Amino acid sequence: MGIHTVAEMAASGESPEILFWVGCAGSFDQRAQKITKAFASILDKAGIKFAILGKEEMCTGDPVRRAGNEFMFQMMAYQNIQILNGYGIKK
């Protein structure tokens, strides 16, 4: 199964119906990767046009916020919002 990135879809003039936010655990944790692949398979079999951000996906900032660094969280959230707005992501 080939999963497209939003950048790839944008380059070909397409846009996904849904952005699948993989997250840190879904990217790096071996147990969570199985869940990520299974969910992508479900989206694919359901015929949902989806994409991931791939290398453009930043950390959500949740770990630093829980550690008490609200400023860093706000900066990370702002970066993510800019990426999503740049692609016009709604879902």
N, C-alpha and C. Protein backbone atom coordinates (compact mmCIF):
# COMPACT_ATOMS: atom_id res chain seq x y z
N MET A 1 0.85 -1.17 0.00
CA MET A 1 0.00 0.00 0.00
C MET A 1 0.90 1.24 0.00
N GLY A 2 0.69 2.10 -0.96
CA GLY A 2 1.45 3.34 -1.03
C GLY A 2 0.65 4.47 -0.41
N ILE A 3 1.22 5.09 0.59
CA ILE A 3 0.54 6.20 1.26
C ILE A 3 1.17 7.49 0.75
N HIS A 4 0.33 8.37 0.25
CA HIS A 4 0.80 9.63 -0.30
C HIS A 4 0.95 10.68 0.80
N THR A 5 1.87 11.60 0.55
CA THR A 5 1.97 12.76 1.43
C THR A 5 1.11 13.87 0.84
N VAL A 6 0.79 14.82 1.68
CA VAL A 6 -0.01 15.95 1.22
C VAL A 6 0.77 16.72 0.15
N ALA A 7 2.08 16.84 0.31
CA ALA A 7 2.91 17.54 -0.67
C ALA A 7 2.85 16.85 -2.03
N GLU A 8 2.91 15.52 -2.04
CA GLU A 8 2.81 14.78 -3.31
C GLU A 8 1.47 15.03 -3.98
N MET A 9 0.41 14.99 -3.18
CA MET A 9 -0.91 15.20 -3.75
C MET A 9 -1.05 16.64 -4.27
N ALA A 10 -0.54 17.60 -3.52
CA ALA A 10 -0.62 19.00 -3.94
C ALA A 10 0.15 19.22 -5.25
N ALA A 11 1.29 18.54 -5.39
CA ALA A 11 2.11 18.68 -6.60
C ALA A 11 1.37 18.16 -7.83
N SER A 12 0.48 17.19 -7.63
CA SER A 12 -0.28 16.65 -8.76
C SER A 12 -1.67 17.29 -8.87
N GLY A 13 -1.88 18.37 -8.12
CA GLY A 13 -3.13 19.10 -8.21
C GLY A 13 -4.29 18.48 -7.46
N GLU A 14 -4.00 17.56 -6.57
CA GLU A 14 -5.04 16.89 -5.78
C GLU A 14 -4.97 17.36 -4.33
N SER A 15 -6.02 17.04 -3.59
CA SER A 15 -6.00 17.29 -2.15
C SER A 15 -6.72 16.12 -1.46
N PRO A 16 -6.24 15.76 -0.29
CA PRO A 16 -6.86 14.64 0.41
C PRO A 16 -8.18 15.05 1.06
N GLU A 17 -9.05 14.07 1.21
CA GLU A 17 -10.29 14.32 1.96
C GLU A 17 -9.97 14.46 3.45
N ILE A 18 -9.00 13.65 3.89
CA ILE A 18 -8.62 13.62 5.31
C ILE A 18 -7.10 13.58 5.43
N LEU A 19 -6.58 14.33 6.39
CA LEU A 19 -5.17 14.23 6.75
C LEU A 19 -5.07 13.23 7.90
N PHE A 20 -4.24 12.23 7.73
CA PHE A 20 -3.99 11.26 8.79
C PHE A 20 -2.75 11.73 9.54
N TRP A 21 -2.97 12.25 10.75
CA TRP A 21 -1.86 12.71 11.60
C TRP A 21 -1.28 11.49 12.30
N VAL A 22 -0.12 11.07 11.88
CA VAL A 22 0.49 9.84 12.38
C VAL A 22 0.99 10.00 13.81
N GLY A 23 1.64 11.11 14.10
CA GLY A 23 2.14 11.35 15.44
C GLY A 23 3.46 10.65 15.72
N CYS A 24 4.06 11.03 16.83
CA CYS A 24 5.38 10.48 17.21
C CYS A 24 5.31 8.98 17.47
N ALA A 25 4.34 8.56 18.25
CA ALA A 25 4.25 7.13 18.58
C ALA A 25 3.99 6.31 17.32
N GLY A 26 3.10 6.77 16.47
CA GLY A 26 2.78 6.06 15.24
C GLY A 26 3.93 6.00 14.26
N SER A 27 4.87 6.93 14.41
CA SER A 27 6.04 6.95 13.54
C SER A 27 7.20 6.13 14.07
N PHE A 28 7.42 6.17 15.37
CA PHE A 28 8.65 5.62 15.92
C PHE A 28 8.49 4.38 16.80
N ASP A 29 7.37 4.23 17.47
CA ASP A 29 7.17 3.08 18.36
C ASP A 29 6.71 1.87 17.54
N GLN A 30 7.43 0.76 17.65
CA GLN A 30 7.13 -0.41 16.82
C GLN A 30 5.73 -0.95 17.05
N ARG A 31 5.26 -0.93 18.28
CA ARG A 31 3.89 -1.41 18.55
C ARG A 31 2.86 -0.49 17.94
N ALA A 32 3.10 0.80 18.06
CA ALA A 32 2.16 1.79 17.51
C ALA A 32 2.19 1.80 15.98
N GLN A 33 3.33 1.44 15.38
CA GLN A 33 3.41 1.39 13.92
C GLN A 33 2.43 0.37 13.35
N LYS A 34 2.20 -0.72 14.07
CA LYS A 34 1.23 -1.72 13.62
C LYS A 34 -0.17 -1.11 13.58
N ILE A 35 -0.49 -0.30 14.57
CA ILE A 35 -1.79 0.36 14.62
C ILE A 35 -1.90 1.37 13.48
N THR A 36 -0.84 2.12 13.27
CA THR A 36 -0.82 3.11 12.19
C THR A 36 -1.06 2.45 10.84
N LYS A 37 -0.37 1.35 10.59
CA LYS A 37 -0.55 0.63 9.32
C LYS A 37 -1.95 0.06 9.19
N ALA A 38 -2.49 -0.46 10.28
CA ALA A 38 -3.84 -1.03 10.25
C ALA A 38 -4.87 0.06 9.97
N PHE A 39 -4.70 1.22 10.59
CA PHE A 39 -5.64 2.32 10.37
C PHE A 39 -5.57 2.82 8.94
N ALA A 40 -4.36 2.93 8.40
CA ALA A 40 -4.20 3.35 7.01
C ALA A 40 -4.86 2.34 6.07
N SER A 41 -4.74 1.08 6.40
CA SER A 41 -5.39 0.04 5.61
C SER A 41 -6.91 0.17 5.65
N ILE A 42 -7.44 0.48 6.81
CA ILE A 42 -8.90 0.68 6.95
C ILE A 42 -9.35 1.86 6.10
N LEU A 43 -8.62 2.98 6.19
CA LEU A 43 -8.98 4.15 5.38
C LEU A 43 -8.94 3.81 3.89
N ASP A 44 -7.92 3.07 3.50
CA ASP A 44 -7.77 2.68 2.09
C ASP A 44 -8.92 1.79 1.64
N LYS A 45 -9.25 0.79 2.42
CA LYS A 45 -10.33 -0.13 2.06
C LYS A 45 -11.70 0.53 2.09
N ALA A 46 -11.83 1.58 2.90
CA ALA A 46 -13.09 2.32 2.95
C ALA A 46 -13.21 3.30 1.79
N GLY A 47 -12.16 3.41 1.01
CA GLY A 47 -12.18 4.30 -0.15
C GLY A 47 -12.02 5.77 0.19
N ILE A 48 -11.44 6.05 1.34
CA ILE A 48 -11.25 7.43 1.78
C ILE A 48 -9.92 7.94 1.22
N LYS A 49 -9.98 9.07 0.57
CA LYS A 49 -8.79 9.70 -0.01
C LYS A 49 -8.06 10.42 1.12
N PHE A 50 -6.94 9.87 1.55
CA PHE A 50 -6.21 10.44 2.68
C PHE A 50 -4.74 10.59 2.34
N ALA A 51 -4.06 11.38 3.16
CA ALA A 51 -2.62 11.56 3.01
C ALA A 51 -2.03 11.87 4.38
N ILE A 52 -0.72 11.76 4.46
CA ILE A 52 0.01 12.12 5.67
C ILE A 52 0.92 13.30 5.35
N LEU A 53 1.43 13.94 6.38
CA LEU A 53 2.38 15.03 6.16
C LEU A 53 3.79 14.51 5.92
N GLY A 54 4.07 13.32 6.40
CA GLY A 54 5.41 12.76 6.22
C GLY A 54 6.44 13.56 7.00
N LYS A 55 7.51 13.95 6.32
CA LYS A 55 8.60 14.67 6.99
C LYS A 55 8.21 16.07 7.43
N GLU A 56 7.10 16.57 6.92
CA GLU A 56 6.63 17.90 7.33
C GLU A 56 5.91 17.87 8.68
N GLU A 57 5.53 16.68 9.13
CA GLU A 57 4.79 16.57 10.39
C GLU A 57 5.71 16.85 11.57
N MET A 58 5.32 17.81 12.36
CA MET A 58 6.08 18.18 13.56
C MET A 58 5.43 17.54 14.78
N CYS A 59 6.15 17.55 15.87
CA CYS A 59 5.58 17.10 17.14
C CYS A 59 4.42 18.02 17.51
N THR A 60 3.41 17.47 18.13
CA THR A 60 2.26 18.28 18.54
C THR A 60 2.61 19.23 19.67
N GLY A 61 3.68 18.95 20.38
CA GLY A 61 4.07 19.79 21.50
C GLY A 61 3.47 19.36 22.82
N ASP A 62 2.67 18.31 22.79
CA ASP A 62 2.03 17.85 24.02
C ASP A 62 3.03 17.48 25.11
N PRO A 63 4.12 16.78 24.79
CA PRO A 63 5.08 16.45 25.87
C PRO A 63 5.67 17.68 26.56
N VAL A 64 6.01 18.72 25.79
CA VAL A 64 6.59 19.91 26.42
C VAL A 64 5.53 20.68 27.20
N ARG A 65 4.30 20.63 26.74
CA ARG A 65 3.23 21.31 27.49
C ARG A 65 3.01 20.62 28.83
N ARG A 66 2.99 19.28 28.80
CA ARG A 66 2.81 18.54 30.06
C ARG A 66 3.98 18.77 31.01
N ALA A 67 5.15 19.07 30.45
CA ALA A 67 6.32 19.35 31.27
C ALA A 67 6.30 20.79 31.79
N GLY A 68 5.31 21.57 31.35
CA GLY A 68 5.15 22.92 31.87
C GLY A 68 5.69 24.03 30.98
N ASN A 69 6.15 23.70 29.79
CA ASN A 69 6.71 24.72 28.91
C ASN A 69 5.64 25.19 27.91
N GLU A 70 4.77 26.05 28.36
CA GLU A 70 3.66 26.55 27.53
C GLU A 70 4.17 27.34 26.32
N PHE A 71 5.23 28.10 26.51
CA PHE A 71 5.78 28.90 25.41
C PHE A 71 6.22 28.01 24.25
N MET A 72 6.98 26.95 24.56
CA MET A 72 7.45 26.03 23.51
C MET A 72 6.27 25.34 22.84
N PHE A 73 5.27 24.97 23.64
CA PHE A 73 4.07 24.36 23.07
C PHE A 73 3.41 25.31 22.06
N GLN A 74 3.27 26.57 22.44
CA GLN A 74 2.64 27.55 21.56
C GLN A 74 3.42 27.69 20.25
N MET A 75 4.73 27.68 20.34
CA MET A 75 5.55 27.78 19.13
C MET A 75 5.37 26.57 18.23
N MET A 76 5.35 25.38 18.82
CA MET A 76 5.18 24.15 18.03
C MET A 76 3.78 24.09 17.42
N ALA A 77 2.79 24.48 18.18
CA ALA A 77 1.42 24.49 17.67
C ALA A 77 1.30 25.47 16.51
N TYR A 78 1.93 26.63 16.63
CA TYR A 78 1.89 27.64 15.56
C TYR A 78 2.50 27.08 14.28
N GLN A 79 3.63 26.39 14.39
CA GLN A 79 4.27 25.79 13.20
C GLN A 79 3.33 24.79 12.54
N ASN A 80 2.69 23.95 13.33
CA ASN A 80 1.76 22.96 12.78
C ASN A 80 0.57 23.64 12.10
N ILE A 81 0.05 24.67 12.72
CA ILE A 81 -1.09 25.39 12.15
C ILE A 81 -0.71 26.00 10.81
N GLN A 82 0.50 26.55 10.72
CA GLN A 82 0.95 27.14 9.46
C GLN A 82 1.04 26.10 8.35
N ILE A 83 1.53 24.93 8.66
CA ILE A 83 1.62 23.86 7.66
C ILE A 83 0.23 23.44 7.21
N LEU A 84 -0.67 23.23 8.17
CA LEU A 84 -2.03 22.82 7.83
C LEU A 84 -2.75 23.89 7.02
N ASN A 85 -2.62 25.13 7.41
CA ASN A 85 -3.25 26.22 6.67
C ASN A 85 -2.66 26.37 5.26
N GLY A 86 -1.37 26.11 5.12
CA GLY A 86 -0.72 26.20 3.81
C GLY A 86 -1.30 25.23 2.81
N TYR A 87 -1.74 24.09 3.29
CA TYR A 87 -2.34 23.08 2.42
C TYR A 87 -3.86 23.16 2.40
N GLY A 88 -4.43 24.01 3.24
CA GLY A 88 -5.89 24.12 3.28
C GLY A 88 -6.56 22.91 3.90
N ILE A 89 -5.88 22.27 4.84
CA ILE A 89 -6.40 21.08 5.50
C ILE A 89 -7.57 21.46 6.39
N LYS A 90 -8.69 20.75 6.25
CA LYS A 90 -9.88 20.99 7.07
C LYS A 90 -10.23 19.80 7.95
N LYS A 91 -9.93 18.61 7.49
CA LYS A 91 -10.25 17.40 8.26
C LYS A 91 -9.00 16.58 8.49
